[in-house]
Amino acid sequence: MPDLELRPLLHLVLHLLVPIAVARLAWPAQWRRAAAWMLAGWLIDLDHLLADPVYAPGRCSLGFHPLHTLPAIGLYGVLALVPRTRWFGTGLLIHIALDGIDCLLM
């Protein structure tokens, strides 16, 4: 059996489960809509397409990709404070936090 690197798999699973769990806890009456908007936070990974190579298992996304920089993260914080964009902003911040944890585990 090949040696399987679990960190990237765990990272992807957490990107799916954490927003759903937060939606269930924070907005139980609307958790499905909240979770969908928070999962849309994965869209910021489109900036990985600008990198060469697109996927580098040892590269920390934070500070490297344009949508993973401090100015972008500040914008995500503002989005999380505005009621109309709260779910999306929260999802983006969760995404960034999980990417930060992944960087620490490298």
Protein backbone atom coordinates (compact mmCIF):
# COMPACT_ATOMS: atom_id res chain seq x y z
CA MET A 1 0.00 0.00 0.00
CA PRO A 2 1.43 3.43 -0.93
CA ASP A 3 2.33 5.93 1.76
CA LEU A 4 -0.69 8.26 1.81
CA GLU A 5 -0.19 11.88 2.88
CA LEU A 6 -3.19 12.61 5.10
CA ARG A 7 -2.68 16.36 5.65
CA PRO A 8 -4.10 17.45 2.23
CA LEU A 9 -7.06 15.09 2.61
CA LEU A 10 -7.78 16.31 6.15
CA HIS A 11 -7.51 19.90 4.90
CA LEU A 12 -10.17 19.32 2.23
CA VAL A 13 -12.49 17.47 4.62
CA LEU A 14 -12.25 20.31 7.16
CA HIS A 15 -13.03 22.85 4.42
CA LEU A 16 -16.29 20.95 3.94
CA LEU A 17 -17.24 20.05 7.52
CA VAL A 18 -16.29 23.17 9.48
CA PRO A 19 -18.57 25.60 7.58
CA ILE A 20 -21.45 23.14 7.85
CA ALA A 21 -20.87 22.73 11.60
CA VAL A 22 -20.66 26.51 12.13
CA ALA A 23 -23.88 26.99 10.13
CA ARG A 24 -25.68 24.35 12.19
CA LEU A 25 -24.56 25.94 15.45
CA ALA A 26 -24.85 29.64 14.60
CA TRP A 27 -27.91 29.67 12.34
CA PRO A 28 -29.88 26.48 13.08
CA ALA A 29 -33.09 27.70 11.42
CA GLN A 30 -31.29 28.62 8.19
CA TRP A 31 -28.28 26.33 8.39
CA ARG A 32 -28.58 24.97 4.84
CA ARG A 33 -28.49 28.43 3.22
CA ALA A 34 -25.79 29.60 5.62
CA ALA A 35 -23.68 26.51 4.89
CA ALA A 36 -24.07 26.95 1.14
CA TRP A 37 -22.89 30.55 1.34
CA MET A 38 -20.01 29.64 3.63
CA LEU A 39 -18.96 26.78 1.35
CA ALA A 40 -18.90 29.32 -1.48
CA GLY A 41 -15.84 30.69 0.33
CA TRP A 42 -13.96 27.97 -1.53
CA LEU A 43 -14.15 30.27 -4.56
CA ILE A 44 -11.12 32.17 -3.29
CA ASP A 45 -9.06 29.14 -4.24
CA LEU A 46 -9.52 30.16 -7.87
CA ASP A 47 -6.46 32.34 -7.31
CA HIS A 48 -4.43 29.12 -7.20
CA LEU A 49 -4.91 28.98 -10.97
CA LEU A 50 -2.58 31.98 -11.24
CA ALA A 51 0.32 30.06 -9.66
CA ASP A 52 2.86 27.83 -11.32
CA PRO A 53 2.51 25.06 -10.39
CA VAL A 54 -1.21 25.34 -9.59
CA TYR A 55 -0.85 22.89 -6.70
CA ALA A 56 2.30 22.66 -4.61
CA PRO A 57 1.78 20.48 -1.52
CA GLY A 58 4.45 22.29 0.51
CA ARG A 59 3.34 25.85 -0.32
CA CYS A 60 1.48 27.96 2.22
CA SER A 61 -1.42 29.76 0.54
CA LEU A 62 -1.43 32.65 3.00
CA GLY A 63 0.47 35.61 1.63
CA PHE A 64 1.24 33.80 -1.62
CA HIS A 65 -2.02 33.83 -3.55
CA PRO A 66 -3.74 37.23 -4.12
CA LEU A 67 -7.02 36.28 -2.42
CA HIS A 68 -5.07 34.92 0.57
CA THR A 69 -3.32 38.19 1.50
CA LEU A 70 -3.92 40.59 4.39
CA PRO A 71 -5.87 43.18 2.37
CA ALA A 72 -8.21 40.47 1.09
CA ILE A 73 -8.58 39.00 4.59
CA GLY A 74 -9.51 42.47 5.88
CA LEU A 75 -12.24 42.65 3.25
CA TYR A 76 -13.52 39.22 4.35
CA GLY A 77 -13.76 40.55 7.90
CA VAL A 78 -15.87 43.48 6.68
CA LEU A 79 -18.11 41.10 4.71
CA ALA A 80 -18.61 39.04 7.88
CA LEU A 81 -19.81 42.15 9.74
CA VAL A 82 -22.41 43.19 7.16
CA PRO A 83 -25.70 41.30 7.68
CA ARG A 84 -26.36 40.84 3.94
CA THR A 85 -22.93 39.23 3.33
CA ARG A 86 -22.34 37.73 6.80
CA TRP A 87 -22.49 34.08 5.74
CA PHE A 88 -20.15 34.51 2.80
CA GLY A 89 -17.69 36.59 4.83
CA THR A 90 -17.76 34.05 7.63
CA GLY A 91 -17.07 31.27 5.14
CA LEU A 92 -14.13 33.20 3.73
CA LEU A 93 -12.68 33.75 7.21
CA ILE A 94 -13.15 30.06 8.05
CA HIS A 95 -11.37 29.18 4.81
CA ILE A 96 -8.44 31.46 5.68
CA ALA A 97 -8.25 30.08 9.24
CA LEU A 98 -8.15 26.50 7.94
CA ASP A 99 -5.47 27.46 5.42
CA GLY A 100 -3.50 29.01 8.29
CA ILE A 101 -3.75 25.81 10.30
CA ASP A 102 -2.59 23.88 7.24
CA CYS A 103 0.43 26.18 6.96
CA LEU A 104 1.31 25.49 10.61
CA LEU A 105 1.12 21.74 10.01
CA MET A 106 3.57 21.88 7.09
